[in-house]
PDB file of all heavy atoms in Angstrom:
ATOM      1  N   ILE A   1      19.302 -61.659 -70.346  1.00  0.00           N
ATOM      2  CA  ILE A   1      18.574 -60.436 -69.994  1.00  0.00           C
ATOM      3  C   ILE A   1      18.972 -60.078 -68.564  1.00  0.00           C
ATOM      4  O   ILE A   1      18.844 -60.898 -67.647  1.00  0.00           O
ATOM      5  CB  ILE A   1      17.058 -60.631 -70.088  1.00  0.00           C
ATOM      6  CG1 ILE A   1      16.647 -61.026 -71.511  1.00  0.00           C
ATOM      7  CG2 ILE A   1      16.330 -59.367 -69.647  1.00  0.00           C
ATOM      8  CD1 ILE A   1      16.867 -59.930 -72.533  1.00  0.00           C
ATOM      9  N   VAL A   2      19.446 -58.837 -68.353  1.00  0.00           N
ATOM     10  CA  VAL A   2      19.900 -58.384 -67.040  1.00  0.00           C
ATOM     11  C   VAL A   2      18.976 -57.257 -66.581  1.00  0.00           C
ATOM     12  O   VAL A   2      18.827 -56.251 -67.279  1.00  0.00           O
ATOM     13  CB  VAL A   2      21.358 -57.879 -67.091  1.00  0.00           C
ATOM     14  CG1 VAL A   2      21.822 -57.489 -65.684  1.00  0.00           C
ATOM     15  CG2 VAL A   2      22.272 -58.949 -67.678  1.00  0.00           C
ATOM     16  N   ARG A   3      18.359 -57.436 -65.419  1.00  0.00           N
ATOM     17  CA  ARG A   3      17.415 -56.441 -64.899  1.00  0.00           C
ATOM     18  C   ARG A   3      17.906 -55.926 -63.539  1.00  0.00           C
ATOM     19  O   ARG A   3      18.221 -56.700 -62.648  1.00  0.00           O
ATOM     20  CB  ARG A   3      16.031 -57.063 -64.756  1.00  0.00           C
ATOM     21  CG  ARG A   3      14.965 -56.112 -64.206  1.00  0.00           C
ATOM     22  CD  ARG A   3      13.615 -56.769 -64.216  1.00  0.00           C
ATOM     23  NE  ARG A   3      13.214 -57.119 -65.587  1.00  0.00           N
ATOM     24  CZ  ARG A   3      12.246 -57.986 -65.883  1.00  0.00           C
ATOM     25  NH1 ARG A   3      11.595 -58.582 -64.903  1.00  0.00           N
ATOM     26  NH2 ARG A   3      11.949 -58.249 -67.140  1.00  0.00           N
ATOM     27  N   ASP A   4      17.930 -54.580 -63.386  1.00  0.00           N
ATOM     28  CA  ASP A   4      18.344 -53.943 -62.127  1.00  0.00           C
ATOM     29  C   ASP A   4      17.176 -54.017 -61.133  1.00  0.00           C
ATOM     30  O   ASP A   4      16.132 -53.411 -61.336  1.00  0.00           O
ATOM     31  CB  ASP A   4      18.734 -52.489 -62.383  1.00  0.00           C
ATOM     32  CG  ASP A   4      19.227 -51.792 -61.114  1.00  0.00           C
ATOM     33  OD1 ASP A   4      19.274 -52.447 -60.058  1.00  0.00           O
ATOM     34  OD2 ASP A   4      19.565 -50.588 -61.188  1.00  0.00           O
ATOM     35  N   ILE A   5      17.370 -54.774 -60.053  1.00  0.00           N
ATOM     36  CA  ILE A   5      16.312 -54.921 -59.041  1.00  0.00           C
ATOM     37  C   ILE A   5      16.751 -54.322 -57.705  1.00  0.00           C
ATOM     38  O   ILE A   5      16.170 -54.640 -56.660  1.00  0.00           O
ATOM     39  CB  ILE A   5      15.922 -56.401 -58.860  1.00  0.00           C
ATOM     40  CG1 ILE A   5      17.124 -57.231 -58.406  1.00  0.00           C
ATOM     41  CG2 ILE A   5      15.325 -56.964 -60.128  1.00  0.00           C
ATOM     42  CD1 ILE A   5      16.763 -58.654 -58.009  1.00  0.00           C
ATOM     43  N   THR A   6      17.764 -53.448 -57.740  1.00  0.00           N
ATOM     44  CA  THR A   6      18.276 -52.856 -56.491  1.00  0.00           C
ATOM     45  C   THR A   6      17.185 -52.124 -55.736  1.00  0.00           C
ATOM     46  O   THR A   6      16.943 -52.365 -54.544  1.00  0.00           O
ATOM     47  CB  THR A   6      19.424 -51.881 -56.802  1.00  0.00           C
ATOM     48  OG1 THR A   6      20.397 -52.548 -57.607  1.00  0.00           O
ATOM     49  CG2 THR A   6      20.073 -51.393 -55.506  1.00  0.00           C
ATOM     50  N   GLN A   7      16.502 -51.193 -56.423  1.00  0.00           N
ATOM     51  CA  GLN A   7      15.474 -50.391 -55.756  1.00  0.00           C
ATOM     52  C   GLN A   7      14.278 -51.241 -55.351  1.00  0.00           C
ATOM     53  O   GLN A   7      13.661 -50.998 -54.309  1.00  0.00           O
ATOM     54  CB  GLN A   7      15.029 -49.255 -56.670  1.00  0.00           C
ATOM     55  CG  GLN A   7      16.121 -48.226 -56.926  1.00  0.00           C
ATOM     56  CD  GLN A   7      15.638 -47.077 -57.782  1.00  0.00           C
ATOM     57  OE1 GLN A   7      14.544 -47.131 -58.345  1.00  0.00           O
ATOM     58  NE2 GLN A   7      16.451 -46.031 -57.889  1.00  0.00           N
ATOM     59  N   VAL A   8      13.957 -52.240 -56.171  1.00  0.00           N
ATOM     60  CA  VAL A   8      12.830 -53.123 -55.836  1.00  0.00           C
ATOM     61  C   VAL A   8      13.107 -53.865 -54.533  1.00  0.00           C
ATOM     62  O   VAL A   8      12.248 -53.930 -53.643  1.00  0.00           O
ATOM     63  CB  VAL A   8      12.570 -54.129 -56.983  1.00  0.00           C
ATOM     64  CG1 VAL A   8      11.516 -55.155 -56.565  1.00  0.00           C
ATOM     65  CG2 VAL A   8      12.133 -53.401 -58.241  1.00  0.00           C
ATOM     66  N   LYS A   9      14.326 -54.395 -54.415  1.00  0.00           N
ATOM     67  CA  LYS A   9      14.677 -55.126 -53.201  1.00  0.00           C
ATOM     68  C   LYS A   9      14.716 -54.206 -51.985  1.00  0.00           C
ATOM     69  O   LYS A   9      14.296 -54.569 -50.893  1.00  0.00           O
ATOM     70  CB  LYS A   9      16.037 -55.821 -53.369  1.00  0.00           C
ATOM     71  CG  LYS A   9      15.982 -57.051 -54.260  1.00  0.00           C
ATOM     72  CD  LYS A   9      15.111 -58.133 -53.633  1.00  0.00           C
ATOM     73  CE  LYS A   9      15.069 -59.392 -54.475  1.00  0.00           C
ATOM     74  NZ  LYS A   9      14.197 -60.418 -53.885  1.00  0.00           N
ATOM     75  N   GLU A  10      15.241 -52.979 -52.201  1.00  0.00           N
ATOM     76  CA  GLU A  10      15.265 -52.018 -51.102  1.00  0.00           C
ATOM     77  C   GLU A  10      13.849 -51.666 -50.659  1.00  0.00           C
ATOM     78  O   GLU A  10      13.564 -51.560 -49.468  1.00  0.00           O
ATOM     79  CB  GLU A  10      16.015 -50.755 -51.528  1.00  0.00           C
ATOM     80  CG  GLU A  10      17.520 -50.977 -51.682  1.00  0.00           C
ATOM     81  CD  GLU A  10      18.219 -49.734 -52.202  1.00  0.00           C
ATOM     82  OE1 GLU A  10      17.505 -48.779 -52.611  1.00  0.00           O
ATOM     83  OE2 GLU A  10      19.460 -49.707 -52.212  1.00  0.00           O
ATOM     84  N   ALA A  11      12.952 -51.476 -51.652  1.00  0.00           N
ATOM     85  CA  ALA A  11      11.560 -51.169 -51.326  1.00  0.00           C
ATOM     86  C   ALA A  11      10.905 -52.337 -50.592  1.00  0.00           C
ATOM     87  O   ALA A  11      10.152 -52.138 -49.629  1.00  0.00           O
ATOM     88  CB  ALA A  11      10.785 -50.842 -52.598  1.00  0.00           C
ATOM     89  N   GLU A  12      11.197 -53.575 -51.056  1.00  0.00           N
ATOM     90  CA  GLU A  12      10.646 -54.754 -50.384  1.00  0.00           C
ATOM     91  C   GLU A  12      11.137 -54.826 -48.944  1.00  0.00           C
ATOM     92  O   GLU A  12      10.373 -55.130 -48.028  1.00  0.00           O
ATOM     93  CB  GLU A  12      11.045 -56.023 -51.136  1.00  0.00           C
ATOM     94  CG  GLU A  12      10.330 -56.193 -52.472  1.00  0.00           C
ATOM     95  CD  GLU A  12      10.802 -57.441 -53.203  1.00  0.00           C
ATOM     96  OE1 GLU A  12      11.757 -58.098 -52.702  1.00  0.00           O
ATOM     97  OE2 GLU A  12      10.233 -57.755 -54.257  1.00  0.00           O
ATOM     98  N   GLN A  13      12.433 -54.516 -48.736  1.00  0.00           N
ATOM     99  CA  GLN A  13      12.985 -54.570 -47.391  1.00  0.00           C
ATOM    100  C   GLN A  13      12.371 -53.500 -46.503  1.00  0.00           C
ATOM    101  O   GLN A  13      12.071 -53.737 -45.323  1.00  0.00           O
ATOM    102  CB  GLN A  13      14.507 -54.406 -47.436  1.00  0.00           C
ATOM    103  CG  GLN A  13      15.191 -54.619 -46.093  1.00  0.00           C
ATOM    104  CD  GLN A  13      14.935 -56.001 -45.517  1.00  0.00           C
ATOM    105  OE1 GLN A  13      15.047 -57.000 -46.227  1.00  0.00           O
ATOM    106  NE2 GLN A  13      14.548 -56.066 -44.254  1.00  0.00           N
ATOM    107  N   ARG A  14      12.187 -52.287 -47.093  1.00  0.00           N
ATOM    108  CA  ARG A  14      11.548 -51.218 -46.313  1.00  0.00           C
ATOM    109  C   ARG A  14      10.129 -51.601 -45.931  1.00  0.00           C
ATOM    110  O   ARG A  14       9.671 -51.316 -44.823  1.00  0.00           O
ATOM    111  CB  ARG A  14      11.549 -49.912 -47.115  1.00  0.00           C
ATOM    112  CG  ARG A  14      12.908 -49.237 -47.205  1.00  0.00           C
ATOM    113  CD  ARG A  14      12.775 -47.789 -47.674  1.00  0.00           C
ATOM    114  NE  ARG A  14      12.191 -47.690 -48.995  1.00  0.00           N
ATOM    115  CZ  ARG A  14      12.889 -47.701 -50.122  1.00  0.00           C
ATOM    116  NH1 ARG A  14      14.217 -47.813 -50.085  1.00  0.00           N
ATOM    117  NH2 ARG A  14      12.288 -47.592 -51.292  1.00  0.00           N
ATOM    118  N   LEU A  15       9.418 -52.246 -46.873  1.00  0.00           N
ATOM    119  CA  LEU A  15       8.057 -52.684 -46.584  1.00  0.00           C
ATOM    120  C   LEU A  15       8.044 -53.730 -45.472  1.00  0.00           C
ATOM    121  O   LEU A  15       7.215 -53.678 -44.560  1.00  0.00           O
ATOM    122  CB  LEU A  15       7.414 -53.248 -47.855  1.00  0.00           C
ATOM    123  CG  LEU A  15       5.965 -53.739 -47.720  1.00  0.00           C
ATOM    124  CD1 LEU A  15       5.061 -52.598 -47.271  1.00  0.00           C
ATOM    125  CD2 LEU A  15       5.470 -54.331 -49.028  1.00  0.00           C
ATOM    126  N   ILE A  16       9.002 -54.665 -45.536  1.00  0.00           N
ATOM    127  CA  ILE A  16       9.096 -55.696 -44.494  1.00  0.00           C
ATOM    128  C   ILE A  16       9.407 -55.067 -43.147  1.00  0.00           C
ATOM    129  O   ILE A  16       8.800 -55.389 -42.124  1.00  0.00           O
ATOM    130  CB  ILE A  16      10.175 -56.736 -44.873  1.00  0.00           C
ATOM    131  CG1 ILE A  16       9.715 -57.552 -46.090  1.00  0.00           C
ATOM    132  CG2 ILE A  16      10.470 -57.662 -43.690  1.00  0.00           C
ATOM    133  CD1 ILE A  16      10.789 -58.448 -46.656  1.00  0.00           C
ATOM    134  N   ASP A  17      10.371 -54.119 -43.159  1.00  0.00           N
ATOM    135  CA  ASP A  17      10.728 -53.435 -41.908  1.00  0.00           C
ATOM    136  C   ASP A  17       9.534 -52.668 -41.358  1.00  0.00           C
ATOM    137  O   ASP A  17       9.287 -52.648 -40.152  1.00  0.00           O
ATOM    138  CB  ASP A  17      11.898 -52.480 -42.142  1.00  0.00           C
ATOM    139  CG  ASP A  17      13.189 -53.220 -42.467  1.00  0.00           C
ATOM    140  OD1 ASP A  17      13.251 -54.427 -42.167  1.00  0.00           O
ATOM    141  OD2 ASP A  17      14.109 -52.594 -43.022  1.00  0.00           O
ATOM    142  N   SER A  18       8.797 -52.001 -42.271  1.00  0.00           N
ATOM    143  CA  SER A  18       7.627 -51.232 -41.845  1.00  0.00           C
ATOM    144  C   SER A  18       6.565 -52.150 -41.251  1.00  0.00           C
ATOM    145  O   SER A  18       5.962 -51.838 -40.221  1.00  0.00           O
ATOM    146  CB  SER A  18       7.057 -50.449 -43.028  1.00  0.00           C
ATOM    147  OG  SER A  18       5.907 -49.738 -42.652  1.00  0.00           O
ATOM    148  N   GLU A  19       6.338 -53.291 -41.906  1.00  0.00           N
ATOM    149  CA  GLU A  19       5.359 -54.247 -41.384  1.00  0.00           C
ATOM    150  C   GLU A  19       5.786 -54.775 -40.018  1.00  0.00           C
ATOM    151  O   GLU A  19       4.958 -54.941 -39.116  1.00  0.00           O
ATOM    152  CB  GLU A  19       5.179 -55.397 -42.376  1.00  0.00           C
ATOM    153  CG  GLU A  19       4.455 -54.993 -43.661  1.00  0.00           C
ATOM    154  CD  GLU A  19       4.370 -56.141 -44.646  1.00  0.00           C
ATOM    155  OE1 GLU A  19       5.079 -57.153 -44.430  1.00  0.00           O
ATOM    156  OE2 GLU A  19       3.601 -56.033 -45.621  1.00  0.00           O
ATOM    157  N   ASN A  20       7.094 -55.031 -39.877  1.00  0.00           N
ATOM    158  CA  ASN A  20       7.593 -55.532 -38.586  1.00  0.00           C
ATOM    159  C   ASN A  20       7.412 -54.496 -37.491  1.00  0.00           C
ATOM    160  O   ASN A  20       7.030 -54.814 -36.362  1.00  0.00           O
ATOM    161  CB  ASN A  20       9.069 -55.917 -38.707  1.00  0.00           C
ATOM    162  CG  ASN A  20       9.275 -57.160 -39.553  1.00  0.00           C
ATOM    163  OD1 ASN A  20       8.351 -57.965 -39.719  1.00  0.00           O
ATOM    164  ND2 ASN A  20      10.461 -57.327 -40.105  1.00  0.00           N
ATOM    165  N   ARG A  21       7.704 -53.212 -37.837  1.00  0.00           N
ATOM    166  CA  ARG A  21       7.526 -52.150 -36.839  1.00  0.00           C
ATOM    167  C   ARG A  21       6.057 -52.002 -36.468  1.00  0.00           C
ATOM    168  O   ARG A  21       5.716 -51.814 -35.297  1.00  0.00           O
ATOM    169  CB  ARG A  21       8.074 -50.822 -37.379  1.00  0.00           C
ATOM    170  CG  ARG A  21       9.595 -50.748 -37.420  1.00  0.00           C
ATOM    171  CD  ARG A  21      10.063 -49.312 -37.639  1.00  0.00           C
ATOM    172  NE  ARG A  21       9.637 -48.807 -38.919  1.00  0.00           N
ATOM    173  CZ  ARG A  21      10.337 -48.916 -40.034  1.00  0.00           C
ATOM    174  NH1 ARG A  21      11.510 -49.528 -40.022  1.00  0.00           N
ATOM    175  NH2 ARG A  21       9.897 -48.410 -41.166  1.00  0.00           N
ATOM    176  N   LEU A  22       5.189 -52.060 -37.485  1.00  0.00           N
ATOM    177  CA  LEU A  22       3.759 -51.936 -37.223  1.00  0.00           C
ATOM    178  C   LEU A  22       3.266 -53.081 -36.350  1.00  0.00           C
ATOM    179  O   LEU A  22       2.493 -52.875 -35.407  1.00  0.00           O
ATOM    180  CB  LEU A  22       2.986 -51.895 -38.545  1.00  0.00           C
ATOM    181  CG  LEU A  22       1.460 -51.751 -38.438  1.00  0.00           C
ATOM    182  CD1 LEU A  22       1.096 -50.457 -37.716  1.00  0.00           C
ATOM    183  CD2 LEU A  22       0.821 -51.794 -39.812  1.00  0.00           C
ATOM    184  N   SER A  23       3.729 -54.291 -36.656  1.00  0.00           N
ATOM    185  CA  SER A  23       3.325 -55.450 -35.856  1.00  0.00           C
ATOM    186  C   SER A  23       3.805 -55.317 -34.417  1.00  0.00           C
ATOM    187  O   SER A  23       3.067 -55.592 -33.473  1.00  0.00           O
ATOM    188  CB  SER A  23       3.887 -56.734 -36.478  1.00  0.00           C
ATOM    189  OG  SER A  23       3.346 -56.948 -37.763  1.00  0.00           O
ATOM    190  N   ALA A  24       5.061 -54.860 -34.262  1.00  0.00           N
ATOM    191  CA  ALA A  24       5.598 -54.673 -32.910  1.00  0.00           C
ATOM    192  C   ALA A  24       4.822 -53.607 -32.161  1.00  0.00           C
ATOM    193  O   ALA A  24       4.548 -53.739 -30.963  1.00  0.00           O
ATOM    194  CB  ALA A  24       7.078 -54.301 -32.992  1.00  0.00           C
ATOM    195  N   LEU A  25       4.455 -52.527 -32.878  1.00  0.00           N
ATOM    196  CA  LEU A  25       3.686 -51.451 -32.247  1.00  0.00           C
ATOM    197  C   LEU A  25       2.327 -51.957 -31.785  1.00  0.00           C
ATOM    198  O   LEU A  25       1.903 -51.698 -30.657  1.00  0.00           O
ATOM    199  CB  LEU A  25       3.519 -50.294 -33.231  1.00  0.00           C
ATOM    200  CG  LEU A  25       2.641 -49.126 -32.766  1.00  0.00           C
ATOM    201  CD1 LEU A  25       3.263 -48.459 -31.558  1.00  0.00           C
ATOM    202  CD2 LEU A  25       2.457 -48.115 -33.889  1.00  0.00           C
ATOM    203  N   ILE A  26       1.640 -52.685 -32.667  1.00  0.00           N
ATOM    204  CA  ILE A  26       0.312 -53.194 -32.329  1.00  0.00           C
ATOM    205  C   ILE A  26       0.393 -54.171 -31.165  1.00  0.00           C
ATOM    206  O   ILE A  26      -0.426 -54.139 -30.242  1.00  0.00           O
ATOM    207  CB  ILE A  26      -0.333 -53.857 -33.558  1.00  0.00           C
ATOM    208  CG1 ILE A  26      -0.675 -52.787 -34.612  1.00  0.00           C
ATOM    209  CG2 ILE A  26      -1.585 -54.636 -33.178  1.00  0.00           C
ATOM    210  CD1 ILE A  26      -1.194 -53.350 -35.909  1.00  0.00           C
ATOM    211  N   LEU A  27       1.422 -55.037 -31.188  1.00  0.00           N
ATOM    212  CA  LEU A  27       1.554 -56.034 -30.128  1.00  0.00           C
ATOM    213  C   LEU A  27       1.763 -55.397 -28.758  1.00  0.00           C
ATOM    214  O   LEU A  27       1.385 -55.957 -27.733  1.00  0.00           O
ATOM    215  CB  LEU A  27       2.726 -56.978 -30.441  1.00  0.00           C
ATOM    216  CG  LEU A  27       2.474 -58.026 -31.533  1.00  0.00           C
ATOM    217  CD1 LEU A  27       3.748 -58.770 -31.864  1.00  0.00           C
ATOM    218  CD2 LEU A  27       1.390 -59.009 -31.106  1.00  0.00           C
ATOM    219  N   ASN A  28       2.363 -54.193 -28.733  1.00  0.00           N
ATOM    220  CA  ASN A  28       2.708 -53.575 -27.451  1.00  0.00           C
ATOM    221  C   ASN A  28       1.875 -52.349 -27.126  1.00  0.00           C
ATOM    222  O   ASN A  28       2.211 -51.605 -26.206  1.00  0.00           O
ATOM    223  CB  ASN A  28       4.195 -53.208 -27.459  1.00  0.00           C
ATOM    224  CG  ASN A  28       5.097 -54.429 -27.524  1.00  0.00           C
ATOM    225  OD1 ASN A  28       5.255 -55.147 -26.559  1.00  0.00           O
ATOM    226  ND2 ASN A  28       5.670 -54.673 -28.697  1.00  0.00           N
ATOM    227  N   LEU A  29       0.787 -52.127 -27.864  1.00  0.00           N
ATOM    228  CA  LEU A  29      -0.093 -50.996 -27.569  1.00  0.00           C
ATOM    229  C   LEU A  29      -0.756 -51.174 -26.201  1.00  0.00           C
ATOM    230  O   LEU A  29      -1.000 -52.299 -25.746  1.00  0.00           O
ATOM    231  CB  LEU A  29      -1.177 -50.883 -28.639  1.00  0.00           C
ATOM    232  CG  LEU A  29      -0.790 -50.200 -29.955  1.00  0.00           C
ATOM    233  CD1 LEU A  29      -1.962 -50.280 -30.927  1.00  0.00           C
ATOM    234  CD2 LEU A  29      -0.415 -48.744 -29.726  1.00  0.00           C
ATOM    235  N   GLU A  30      -1.057 -50.045 -25.555  1.00  0.00           N
ATOM    236  CA  GLU A  30      -1.790 -50.098 -24.297  1.00  0.00           C
ATOM    237  C   GLU A  30      -3.255 -50.468 -24.521  1.00  0.00           C
ATOM    238  O   GLU A  30      -3.921 -50.964 -23.637  1.00  0.00           O
ATOM    239  CB  GLU A  30      -1.698 -48.747 -23.584  1.00  0.00           C
ATOM    240  CG  GLU A  30      -0.376 -48.504 -22.879  1.00  0.00           C
ATOM    241  CD  GLU A  30      -0.093 -49.551 -21.817  1.00  0.00           C
ATOM    242  OE1 GLU A  30      -0.970 -49.806 -20.979  1.00  0.00           O
ATOM    243  OE2 GLU A  30       1.000 -50.145 -21.851  1.00  0.00           O
ATOM    244  N   SER A  31      -3.750 -50.215 -25.732  1.00  0.00           N
ATOM    245  CA  SER A  31      -5.117 -50.600 -26.076  1.00  0.00           C
ATOM    246  C   SER A  31      -5.121 -52.032 -26.596  1.00  0.00           C
ATOM    247  O   SER A  31      -4.173 -52.475 -27.249  1.00  0.00           O
ATOM    248  CB  SER A  31      -5.678 -49.665 -27.154  1.00  0.00           C
ATOM    249  OG  SER A  31      -5.760 -48.343 -26.695  1.00  0.00           O
ATOM    250  N   GLY A  32      -6.201 -52.754 -26.293  1.00  0.00           N
ATOM    251  CA  GLY A  32      -6.366 -54.082 -26.850  1.00  0.00           C
ATOM    252  C   GLY A  32      -6.878 -53.985 -28.281  1.00  0.00           C
ATOM    253  O   GLY A  32      -7.839 -53.282 -28.560  1.00  0.00           O
ATOM    254  N   ILE A  33      -6.216 -54.659 -29.219  1.00  0.00           N
ATOM    255  CA  ILE A  33      -6.545 -54.574 -30.640  1.00  0.00           C
ATOM    256  C   ILE A  33      -6.985 -55.946 -31.135  1.00  0.00           C
ATOM    257  O   ILE A  33      -6.343 -56.959 -30.862  1.00  0.00           O
ATOM    258  CB  ILE A  33      -5.331 -54.089 -31.459  1.00  0.00           C
ATOM    259  CG1 ILE A  33      -4.891 -52.704 -31.001  1.00  0.00           C
ATOM    260  CG2 ILE A  33      -5.659 -54.079 -32.948  1.00  0.00           C
ATOM    261  CD1 ILE A  33      -5.909 -51.624 -31.239  1.00  0.00           C
ATOM    262  N   LEU A  34      -8.083 -55.969 -31.896  1.00  0.00           N
ATOM    263  CA  LEU A  34      -8.542 -57.200 -32.542  1.00  0.00           C
ATOM    264  C   LEU A  34      -9.048 -56.841 -33.934  1.00  0.00           C
ATOM    265  O   LEU A  34     -10.048 -56.140 -34.075  1.00  0.00           O
ATOM    266  CB  LEU A  34      -9.652 -57.871 -31.734  1.00  0.00           C
ATOM    267  CG  LEU A  34     -10.253 -59.139 -32.360  1.00  0.00           C
ATOM    268  CD1 LEU A  34      -9.200 -60.232 -32.478  1.00  0.00           C
ATOM    269  CD2 LEU A  34     -11.459 -59.630 -31.565  1.00  0.00           C
ATOM    270  N   LEU A  35      -8.341 -57.315 -34.964  1.00  0.00           N
ATOM    271  CA  LEU A  35      -8.730 -57.076 -36.353  1.00  0.00           C
ATOM    272  C   LEU A  35      -9.261 -58.378 -36.936  1.00  0.00           C
ATOM    273  O   LEU A  35      -8.562 -59.394 -36.938  1.00  0.00           O
ATOM    274  CB  LEU A  35      -7.529 -56.577 -37.163  1.00  0.00           C
ATOM    275  CG  LEU A  35      -7.772 -56.306 -38.655  1.00  0.00           C
ATOM    276  CD1 LEU A  35      -8.810 -55.205 -38.842  1.00  0.00           C
ATOM    277  CD2 LEU A  35      -6.480 -55.941 -39.356  1.00  0.00           C
ATOM    278  N   GLU A  36     -10.521 -58.340 -37.402  1.00  0.00           N
ATOM    279  CA  GLU A  36     -11.157 -59.520 -37.983  1.00  0.00           C
ATOM    280  C   GLU A  36     -11.463 -59.269 -39.454  1.00  0.00           C
ATOM    281  O   GLU A  36     -11.759 -58.123 -39.846  1.00  0.00           O
ATOM    282  CB  GLU A  36     -12.456 -59.847 -37.249  1.00  0.00           C
ATOM    283  CG  GLU A  36     -12.279 -60.130 -35.764  1.00  0.00           C
ATOM    284  CD  GLU A  36     -13.618 -60.370 -35.060  1.00  0.00           C
ATOM    285  OE1 GLU A  36     -14.663 -60.267 -35.732  1.00  0.00           O
ATOM    286  OE2 GLU A  36     -13.615 -60.634 -33.850  1.00  0.00           O
ATOM    287  N   ASP A  37     -11.411 -60.330 -40.285  1.00  0.00           N
ATOM    288  CA  ASP A  37     -11.798 -60.182 -41.693  1.00  0.00           C
ATOM    289  C   ASP A  37     -13.312 -60.309 -41.820  1.00  0.00           C
ATOM    290  O   ASP A  37     -14.040 -60.387 -40.812  1.00  0.00           O
ATOM    291  CB  ASP A  37     -11.068 -61.205 -42.570  1.00  0.00           C
ATOM    292  CG  ASP A  37     -11.410 -62.652 -42.214  1.00  0.00           C
ATOM    293  OD1 ASP A  37     -12.443 -62.886 -41.546  1.00  0.00           O
ATOM    294  OD2 ASP A  37     -10.653 -63.554 -42.611  1.00  0.00           O
ATOM    295  N   GLU A  38     -13.804 -60.310 -43.061  1.00  0.00           N
ATOM    296  CA  GLU A  38     -15.247 -60.312 -43.267  1.00  0.00           C
ATOM    297  C   GLU A  38     -15.923 -61.603 -42.785  1.00  0.00           C
ATOM    298  O   GLU A  38     -17.145 -61.659 -42.615  1.00  0.00           O
ATOM    299  CB  GLU A  38     -15.573 -60.090 -44.751  1.00  0.00           C
ATOM    300  CG  GLU A  38     -15.052 -61.166 -45.695  1.00  0.00           C
ATOM    301  CD  GLU A  38     -13.667 -60.853 -46.223  1.00  0.00           C
ATOM    302  OE1 GLU A  38     -12.830 -60.305 -45.458  1.00  0.00           O
ATOM    303  OE2 GLU A  38     -13.405 -61.175 -47.402  1.00  0.00           O
ATOM    304  N   TYR A  39     -15.104 -62.668 -42.566  1.00  0.00           N
ATOM    305  CA  TYR A  39     -15.653 -63.934 -42.083  1.00  0.00           C
ATOM    306  C   TYR A  39     -15.440 -64.090 -40.572  1.00  0.00           C
ATOM    307  O   TYR A  39     -15.641 -65.167 -40.029  1.00  0.00           O
ATOM    308  CB  TYR A  39     -14.991 -65.100 -42.820  1.00  0.00           C
ATOM    309  CG  TYR A  39     -15.108 -64.992 -44.319  1.00  0.00           C
ATOM    310  CD1 TYR A  39     -13.988 -64.713 -45.103  1.00  0.00           C
ATOM    311  CD2 TYR A  39     -16.352 -65.118 -44.954  1.00  0.00           C
ATOM    312  CE1 TYR A  39     -14.091 -64.600 -46.481  1.00  0.00           C
ATOM    313  CE2 TYR A  39     -16.459 -65.003 -46.328  1.00  0.00           C
ATOM    314  CZ  TYR A  39     -15.331 -64.739 -47.093  1.00  0.00           C
ATOM    315  OH  TYR A  39     -15.435 -64.615 -48.456  1.00  0.00           O
ATOM    316  N   ARG A  40     -14.977 -63.006 -39.928  1.00  0.00           N
ATOM    317  CA  ARG A  40     -14.727 -62.965 -38.494  1.00  0.00           C
ATOM    318  C   ARG A  40     -13.555 -63.852 -38.075  1.00  0.00           C
ATOM    319  O   ARG A  40     -13.471 -64.325 -36.941  1.00  0.00           O
ATOM    320  CB  ARG A  40     -15.969 -63.306 -37.683  1.00  0.00           C
ATOM    321  CG  ARG A  40     -17.107 -62.309 -37.872  1.00  0.00           C
ATOM    322  CD  ARG A  40     -17.954 -62.190 -36.647  1.00  0.00           C
ATOM    323  NE  ARG A  40     -17.187 -61.694 -35.510  1.00  0.00           N
ATOM    324  CZ  ARG A  40     -17.645 -61.716 -34.262  1.00  0.00           C
ATOM    325  NH1 ARG A  40     -18.849 -62.200 -34.022  1.00  0.00           N
ATOM    326  NH2 ARG A  40     -16.905 -61.262 -33.271  1.00  0.00           N
ATOM    327  N   ASN A  41     -12.606 -64.058 -39.010  1.00  0.00           N
ATOM    328  CA  ASN A  41     -11.357 -64.720 -38.669  1.00  0.00           C
ATOM    329  C   ASN A  41     -10.353 -63.662 -38.217  1.00  0.00           C
ATOM    330  O   ASN A  41     -10.271 -62.577 -38.800  1.00  0.00           O
ATOM    331  CB  ASN A  41     -10.798 -65.483 -39.873  1.00  0.00           C
ATOM    332  CG  ASN A  41     -11.724 -66.610 -40.302  1.00  0.00           C
ATOM    333  OD1 ASN A  41     -12.294 -67.303 -39.462  1.00  0.00           O
ATOM    334  ND2 ASN A  41     -11.879 -66.789 -41.604  1.00  0.00           N
ATOM    335  N   ILE A  42      -9.568 -63.991 -37.190  1.00  0.00           N
ATOM    336  CA  ILE A  42      -8.618 -63.020 -36.640  1.00  0.00           C
ATOM    337  C   ILE A  42      -7.466 -62.803 -37.618  1.00  0.00           C
ATOM    338  O   ILE A  42      -6.814 -63.757 -38.056  1.00  0.00           O
ATOM    339  CB  ILE A  42      -8.076 -63.503 -35.281  1.00  0.00           C
ATOM    340  CG1 ILE A  42      -9.208 -63.555 -34.250  1.00  0.00           C
ATOM    341  CG2 ILE A  42      -6.958 -62.584 -34.786  1.00  0.00           C
ATOM    342  CD1 ILE A  42      -8.779 -64.077 -32.889  1.00  0.00           C
ATOM    343  N   VAL A  43      -7.227 -61.529 -37.940  1.00  0.00           N
ATOM    344  CA  VAL A  43      -6.104 -61.147 -38.796  1.00  0.00           C
ATOM    345  C   VAL A  43      -4.912 -60.754 -37.934  1.00  0.00           C
ATOM    346  O   VAL A  43      -3.780 -61.138 -38.210  1.00  0.00           O
ATOM    347  CB  VAL A  43      -6.491 -59.971 -39.726  1.00  0.00           C
ATOM    348  CG1 VAL A  43      -5.296 -59.533 -40.568  1.00  0.00           C
ATOM    349  CG2 VAL A  43      -7.661 -60.365 -40.610  1.00  0.00           C
TER     350      VAL A  43
END
């Protein structure tokens, strides 16, 4: 069975790149950011 996963992998890579950019943006914001889950653990 042969399945084309080209677009899936590209989408996964775009998602990873987007997450990395978002993380970099948050890390370097002028505002202090703290995101906690419902148990008050730092996300």
